[in-house]
Amino acid sequence: MAVDRSDLSEEEWEALQRLNRGAPEADFIPPLMRDLLLNLGLAVARPQRIVISDLGKKLIRLHRDDRR
């Protein structure tokens, strides 16, 4: 499934950016939002926590300078 910035709500985009910044920011993402990012392929599960996926990093890089 290809995900674009326009597919994400502001809350989802903020969660992805928090995930990109890593701990402790990523630890404040609500469980429902984490599950959504995992299902979209924007995050991957690791034994200790979820981390941003390569697809998520690419999306962040593509839209880093967007001011929506």
PDB file of N, CA and C in Angstrom:
ATOM      1  N   MET A   1       0.845  -1.172   0.000  1.00  0.00           N
ATOM      2  CA  MET A   1       0.000   0.000   0.000  1.00  0.00           C
ATOM      3  C   MET A   1       0.896   1.242   0.000  1.00  0.00           C
ATOM      4  N   ALA A   2       0.714   2.102  -0.963  1.00  0.00           N
ATOM      5  CA  ALA A   2       1.476   3.349  -1.028  1.00  0.00           C
ATOM      6  C   ALA A   2       0.744   4.417  -0.216  1.00  0.00           C
ATOM      7  N   VAL A   3       1.461   5.039   0.685  1.00  0.00           N
ATOM      8  CA  VAL A   3       0.887   6.068   1.543  1.00  0.00           C
ATOM      9  C   VAL A   3       1.557   7.388   1.190  1.00  0.00           C
ATOM     10  N   ASP A   4       0.750   8.424   1.057  1.00  0.00           N
ATOM     11  CA  ASP A   4       1.264   9.757   0.782  1.00  0.00           C
ATOM     12  C   ASP A   4       0.900  10.670   1.948  1.00  0.00           C
ATOM     13  N   ARG A   5       1.518  11.811   2.009  1.00  0.00           N
ATOM     14  CA  ARG A   5       1.251  12.773   3.070  1.00  0.00           C
ATOM     15  C   ARG A   5      -0.225  13.147   3.125  1.00  0.00           C
ATOM     16  N   SER A   6      -0.849  13.256   1.962  1.00  0.00           N
ATOM     17  CA  SER A   6      -2.264  13.650   1.912  1.00  0.00           C
ATOM     18  C   SER A   6      -3.193  12.575   2.482  1.00  0.00           C
ATOM     19  N   ASP A   7      -2.688  11.373   2.655  1.00  0.00           N
ATOM     20  CA  ASP A   7      -3.483  10.287   3.235  1.00  0.00           C
ATOM     21  C   ASP A   7      -3.534  10.367   4.762  1.00  0.00           C
ATOM     22  N   LEU A   8      -2.680  11.182   5.347  1.00  0.00           N
ATOM     23  CA  LEU A   8      -2.573  11.257   6.805  1.00  0.00           C
ATOM     24  C   LEU A   8      -3.247  12.515   7.348  1.00  0.00           C
ATOM     25  N   SER A   9      -3.920  12.357   8.476  1.00  0.00           N
ATOM     26  CA  SER A   9      -4.479  13.516   9.167  1.00  0.00           C
ATOM     27  C   SER A   9      -3.330  14.265   9.847  1.00  0.00           C
ATOM     28  N   GLU A  10      -3.609  15.433  10.363  1.00  0.00           N
ATOM     29  CA  GLU A  10      -2.580  16.202  11.079  1.00  0.00           C
ATOM     30  C   GLU A  10      -2.059  15.424  12.294  1.00  0.00           C
ATOM     31  N   GLU A  11      -2.967  14.726  12.988  1.00  0.00           N
ATOM     32  CA  GLU A  11      -2.570  13.951  14.166  1.00  0.00           C
ATOM     33  C   GLU A  11      -1.671  12.785  13.762  1.00  0.00           C
ATOM     34  N   GLU A  12      -2.000  12.134  12.657  1.00  0.00           N
ATOM     35  CA  GLU A  12      -1.180  11.017  12.178  1.00  0.00           C
ATOM     36  C   GLU A  12       0.199  11.504  11.730  1.00  0.00           C
ATOM     37  N   TRP A  13       0.229  12.644  11.035  1.00  0.00           N
ATOM     38  CA  TRP A  13       1.492  13.218  10.585  1.00  0.00           C
ATOM     39  C   TRP A  13       2.371  13.597  11.790  1.00  0.00           C
ATOM     40  N   GLU A  14       1.762  14.197  12.808  1.00  0.00           N
ATOM     41  CA  GLU A  14       2.502  14.557  14.014  1.00  0.00           C
ATOM     42  C   GLU A  14       3.058  13.311  14.703  1.00  0.00           C
ATOM     43  N   ALA A  15       2.266  12.245  14.752  1.00  0.00           N
ATOM     44  CA  ALA A  15       2.733  10.994  15.357  1.00  0.00           C
ATOM     45  C   ALA A  15       3.917  10.429  14.582  1.00  0.00           C
ATOM     46  N   LEU A  16       3.857  10.498  13.268  1.00  0.00           N
ATOM     47  CA  LEU A  16       4.968  10.013  12.451  1.00  0.00           C
ATOM     48  C   LEU A  16       6.218  10.851  12.707  1.00  0.00           C
ATOM     49  N   GLN A  17       6.064  12.143  12.829  1.00  0.00           N
ATOM     50  CA  GLN A  17       7.211  13.003  13.116  1.00  0.00           C
ATOM     51  C   GLN A  17       7.787  12.718  14.503  1.00  0.00           C
ATOM     52  N   ARG A  18       6.929  12.475  15.475  1.00  0.00           N
ATOM     53  CA  ARG A  18       7.407  12.108  16.819  1.00  0.00           C
ATOM     54  C   ARG A  18       8.186  10.798  16.770  1.00  0.00           C
ATOM     55  N   LEU A  19       7.673   9.854  16.011  1.00  0.00           N
ATOM     56  CA  LEU A  19       8.352   8.573  15.859  1.00  0.00           C
ATOM     57  C   LEU A  19       9.716   8.776  15.211  1.00  0.00           C
ATOM     58  N   ASN A  20       9.785   9.658  14.257  1.00  0.00           N
ATOM     59  CA  ASN A  20      11.047   9.957  13.581  1.00  0.00           C
ATOM     60  C   ASN A  20      12.067  10.580  14.540  1.00  0.00           C
ATOM     61  N   ARG A  21      11.605  11.368  15.490  1.00  0.00           N
ATOM     62  CA  ARG A  21      12.513  12.004  16.453  1.00  0.00           C
ATOM     63  C   ARG A  21      13.035  11.003  17.483  1.00  0.00           C
ATOM     64  N   GLY A  22      12.356   9.880  17.632  1.00  0.00           N
ATOM     65  CA  GLY A  22      12.812   8.852  18.574  1.00  0.00           C
ATOM     66  C   GLY A  22      12.414   9.162  20.000  1.00  0.00           C
ATOM     67  N   ALA A  23      12.961   8.366  20.906  1.00  0.00           N
ATOM     68  CA  ALA A  23      12.657   8.533  22.327  1.00  0.00           C
ATOM     69  C   ALA A  23      13.239   9.850  22.819  1.00  0.00           C
ATOM     70  N   PRO A  24      12.612  10.528  23.732  1.00  0.00           N
ATOM     71  CA  PRO A  24      11.379  10.163  24.415  1.00  0.00           C
ATOM     72  C   PRO A  24      10.118  10.573  23.656  1.00  0.00           C
ATOM     73  N   GLU A  25      10.259  11.378  22.581  1.00  0.00           N
ATOM     74  CA  GLU A  25       9.093  11.830  21.811  1.00  0.00           C
ATOM     75  C   GLU A  25       8.211  10.668  21.363  1.00  0.00           C
ATOM     76  N   ALA A  26       8.823   9.623  20.837  1.00  0.00           N
ATOM     77  CA  ALA A  26       8.061   8.492  20.305  1.00  0.00           C
ATOM     78  C   ALA A  26       7.247   7.775  21.384  1.00  0.00           C
ATOM     79  N   ASP A  27       7.688   7.891  22.619  1.00  0.00           N
ATOM     80  CA  ASP A  27       6.987   7.220  23.718  1.00  0.00           C
ATOM     81  C   ASP A  27       5.653   7.876  24.051  1.00  0.00           C
ATOM     82  N   PHE A  28       5.397   9.072  23.531  1.00  0.00           N
ATOM     83  CA  PHE A  28       4.153   9.787  23.818  1.00  0.00           C
ATOM     84  C   PHE A  28       3.062   9.538  22.772  1.00  0.00           C
ATOM     85  N   ILE A  29       3.341   8.683  21.798  1.00  0.00           N
ATOM     86  CA  ILE A  29       2.347   8.385  20.762  1.00  0.00           C
ATOM     87  C   ILE A  29       1.314   7.422  21.349  1.00  0.00           C
ATOM     88  N   PRO A  30       0.024   7.754  21.250  1.00  0.00           N
ATOM     89  CA  PRO A  30      -1.016   6.869  21.796  1.00  0.00           C
ATOM     90  C   PRO A  30      -1.006   5.501  21.096  1.00  0.00           C
ATOM     91  N   PRO A  31      -1.379   4.453  21.816  1.00  0.00           N
ATOM     92  CA  PRO A  31      -1.367   3.100  21.252  1.00  0.00           C
ATOM     93  C   PRO A  31      -2.162   2.956  19.949  1.00  0.00           C
ATOM     94  N   LEU A  32      -3.309   3.593  19.862  1.00  0.00           N
ATOM     95  CA  LEU A  32      -4.114   3.504  18.645  1.00  0.00           C
ATOM     96  C   LEU A  32      -3.363   4.092  17.451  1.00  0.00           C
ATOM     97  N   MET A  33      -2.685   5.200  17.668  1.00  0.00           N
ATOM     98  CA  MET A  33      -1.914   5.843  16.604  1.00  0.00           C
ATOM     99  C   MET A  33      -0.718   4.975  16.217  1.00  0.00           C
ATOM    100  N   ARG A  34      -0.075   4.353  17.195  1.00  0.00           N
ATOM    101  CA  ARG A  34       1.040   3.432  16.903  1.00  0.00           C
ATOM    102  C   ARG A  34       0.569   2.290  16.025  1.00  0.00           C
ATOM    103  N   ASP A  35      -0.583   1.726  16.366  1.00  0.00           N
ATOM    104  CA  ASP A  35      -1.140   0.626  15.571  1.00  0.00           C
ATOM    105  C   ASP A  35      -1.432   1.074  14.146  1.00  0.00           C
ATOM    106  N   LEU A  36      -1.955   2.262  13.983  1.00  0.00           N
ATOM    107  CA  LEU A  36      -2.249   2.786  12.657  1.00  0.00           C
ATOM    108  C   LEU A  36      -0.971   2.924  11.829  1.00  0.00           C
ATOM    109  N   LEU A  37       0.075   3.492  12.424  1.00  0.00           N
ATOM    110  CA  LEU A  37       1.349   3.652  11.716  1.00  0.00           C
ATOM    111  C   LEU A  37       1.943   2.293  11.344  1.00  0.00           C
ATOM    112  N   LEU A  38       1.797   1.326  12.221  1.00  0.00           N
ATOM    113  CA  LEU A  38       2.259  -0.032  11.917  1.00  0.00           C
ATOM    114  C   LEU A  38       1.481  -0.617  10.744  1.00  0.00           C
ATOM    115  N   ASN A  39       0.175  -0.469  10.770  1.00  0.00           N
ATOM    116  CA  ASN A  39      -0.675  -1.018   9.704  1.00  0.00           C
ATOM    117  C   ASN A  39      -0.420  -0.353   8.362  1.00  0.00           C
ATOM    118  N   LEU A  40      -0.045   0.915   8.377  1.00  0.00           N
ATOM    119  CA  LEU A  40       0.245   1.636   7.132  1.00  0.00           C
ATOM    120  C   LEU A  40       1.659   1.355   6.617  1.00  0.00           C
ATOM    121  N   GLY A  41       2.455   0.671   7.416  1.00  0.00           N
ATOM    122  CA  GLY A  41       3.827   0.381   7.015  1.00  0.00           C
ATOM    123  C   GLY A  41       4.786   1.522   7.285  1.00  0.00           C
ATOM    124  N   LEU A  42       4.345   2.511   8.049  1.00  0.00           N
ATOM    125  CA  LEU A  42       5.189   3.662   8.364  1.00  0.00           C
ATOM    126  C   LEU A  42       6.027   3.428   9.616  1.00  0.00           C
ATOM    127  N   ALA A  43       5.763   2.334  10.298  1.00  0.00           N
ATOM    128  CA  ALA A  43       6.504   1.956  11.499  1.00  0.00           C
ATOM    129  C   ALA A  43       6.702   0.451  11.487  1.00  0.00           C
ATOM    130  N   VAL A  44       7.701  -0.003  12.234  1.00  0.00           N
ATOM    131  CA  VAL A  44       7.951  -1.437  12.395  1.00  0.00           C
ATOM    132  C   VAL A  44       8.130  -1.732  13.876  1.00  0.00           C
ATOM    133  N   ALA A  45       7.715  -2.924  14.271  1.00  0.00           N
ATOM    134  CA  ALA A  45       7.805  -3.331  15.669  1.00  0.00           C
ATOM    135  C   ALA A  45       9.179  -3.920  15.957  1.00  0.00           C
ATOM    136  N   ARG A  46       9.772  -3.464  17.022  1.00  0.00           N
ATOM    137  CA  ARG A  46      11.027  -4.005  17.544  1.00  0.00           C
ATOM    138  C   ARG A  46      10.719  -4.584  18.921  1.00  0.00           C
ATOM    139  N   PRO A  47      11.603  -5.398  19.472  1.00  0.00           N
ATOM    140  CA  PRO A  47      11.296  -6.009  20.780  1.00  0.00           C
ATOM    141  C   PRO A  47      10.949  -4.995  21.881  1.00  0.00           C
ATOM    142  N   GLN A  48      11.627  -3.861  21.925  1.00  0.00           N
ATOM    143  CA  GLN A  48      11.397  -2.901  22.996  1.00  0.00           C
ATOM    144  C   GLN A  48      10.367  -1.831  22.662  1.00  0.00           C
ATOM    145  N   ARG A  49      10.236  -1.476  21.362  1.00  0.00           N
ATOM    146  CA  ARG A  49       9.345  -0.383  20.957  1.00  0.00           C
ATOM    147  C   ARG A  49       9.161  -0.412  19.456  1.00  0.00           C
ATOM    148  N   ILE A  50       8.301   0.472  18.964  1.00  0.00           N
ATOM    149  CA  ILE A  50       8.176   0.608  17.517  1.00  0.00           C
ATOM    150  C   ILE A  50       9.109   1.720  17.060  1.00  0.00           C
ATOM    151  N   VAL A  51       9.573   1.590  15.826  1.00  0.00           N
ATOM    152  CA  VAL A  51      10.460   2.590  15.235  1.00  0.00           C
ATOM    153  C   VAL A  51       9.932   2.936  13.853  1.00  0.00           C
ATOM    154  N   ILE A  52      10.371   4.051  13.332  1.00  0.00           N
ATOM    155  CA  ILE A  52       9.939   4.476  12.007  1.00  0.00           C
ATOM    156  C   ILE A  52      10.527   3.526  10.960  1.00  0.00           C
ATOM    157  N   SER A  53       9.734   3.207   9.958  1.00  0.00           N
ATOM    158  CA  SER A  53      10.189   2.320   8.882  1.00  0.00           C
ATOM    159  C   SER A  53      10.900   3.123   7.806  1.00  0.00           C
ATOM    160  N   ASP A  54      11.499   2.433   6.861  1.00  0.00           N
ATOM    161  CA  ASP A  54      12.138   3.116   5.731  1.00  0.00           C
ATOM    162  C   ASP A  54      11.112   3.928   4.953  1.00  0.00           C
ATOM    163  N   LEU A  55       9.910   3.382   4.791  1.00  0.00           N
ATOM    164  CA  LEU A  55       8.842   4.110   4.095  1.00  0.00           C
ATOM    165  C   LEU A  55       8.470   5.381   4.862  1.00  0.00           C
ATOM    166  N   GLY A  56       8.390   5.285   6.177  1.00  0.00           N
ATOM    167  CA  GLY A  56       8.088   6.451   7.000  1.00  0.00           C
ATOM    168  C   GLY A  56       9.174   7.509   6.893  1.00  0.00           C
ATOM    169  N   LYS A  57      10.444   7.084   6.899  1.00  0.00           N
ATOM    170  CA  LYS A  57      11.556   8.024   6.757  1.00  0.00           C
ATOM    171  C   LYS A  57      11.511   8.722   5.404  1.00  0.00           C
ATOM    172  N   LYS A  58      11.189   7.952   4.370  1.00  0.00           N
ATOM    173  CA  LYS A  58      11.113   8.527   3.025  1.00  0.00           C
ATOM    174  C   LYS A  58      10.011   9.589   2.964  1.00  0.00           C
ATOM    175  N   LEU A  59       8.870   9.283   3.552  1.00  0.00           N
ATOM    176  CA  LEU A  59       7.749  10.228   3.555  1.00  0.00           C
ATOM    177  C   LEU A  59       8.127  11.513   4.301  1.00  0.00           C
ATOM    178  N   ILE A  60       8.803  11.379   5.428  1.00  0.00           N
ATOM    179  CA  ILE A  60       9.264  12.542   6.193  1.00  0.00           C
ATOM    180  C   ILE A  60      10.220  13.376   5.341  1.00  0.00           C
ATOM    181  N   ARG A  61      11.173  12.727   4.688  1.00  0.00           N
ATOM    182  CA  ARG A  61      12.145  13.462   3.855  1.00  0.00           C
ATOM    183  C   ARG A  61      11.460  14.186   2.702  1.00  0.00           C
ATOM    184  N   LEU A  62      10.490  13.537   2.078  1.00  0.00           N
ATOM    185  CA  LEU A  62       9.793  14.142   0.940  1.00  0.00           C
ATOM    186  C   LEU A  62       9.013  15.394   1.328  1.00  0.00           C
ATOM    187  N   HIS A  63       8.511  15.414   2.544  1.00  0.00           N
ATOM    188  CA  HIS A  63       7.630  16.506   2.973  1.00  0.00           C
ATOM    189  C   HIS A  63       8.192  17.306   4.133  1.00  0.00           C
ATOM    190  N   ARG A  64       9.492  17.238   4.323  1.00  0.00           N
ATOM    191  CA  ARG A  64      10.145  17.924   5.443  1.00  0.00           C
ATOM    192  C   ARG A  64       9.862  19.424   5.469  1.00  0.00           C
ATOM    193  N   ASP A  65       9.846  20.043   4.304  1.00  0.00           N
ATOM    194  CA  ASP A  65       9.682  21.494   4.240  1.00  0.00           C
ATOM    195  C   ASP A  65       8.255  21.952   3.992  1.00  0.00           C
ATOM    196  N   ASP A  66       7.319  21.007   3.933  1.00  0.00           N
ATOM    197  CA  ASP A  66       5.905  21.377   3.726  1.00  0.00           C
ATOM    198  C   ASP A  66       5.390  22.131   4.946  1.00  0.00           C
ATOM    199  N   ARG A  67       4.621  23.120   4.702  1.00  0.00           N
ATOM    200  CA  ARG A  67       3.977  23.902   5.783  1.00  0.00           C
ATOM    201  C   ARG A  67       2.471  23.811   5.619  1.00  0.00           C
ATOM    202  N   ARG A  68       1.917  22.656   5.969  1.00  0.00           N
ATOM    203  CA  ARG A  68       0.473  22.447   5.820  1.00  0.00           C
ATOM    204  C   ARG A  68      -0.270  22.996   6.997  1.00  0.00           C
TER     205      ARG A  68
END
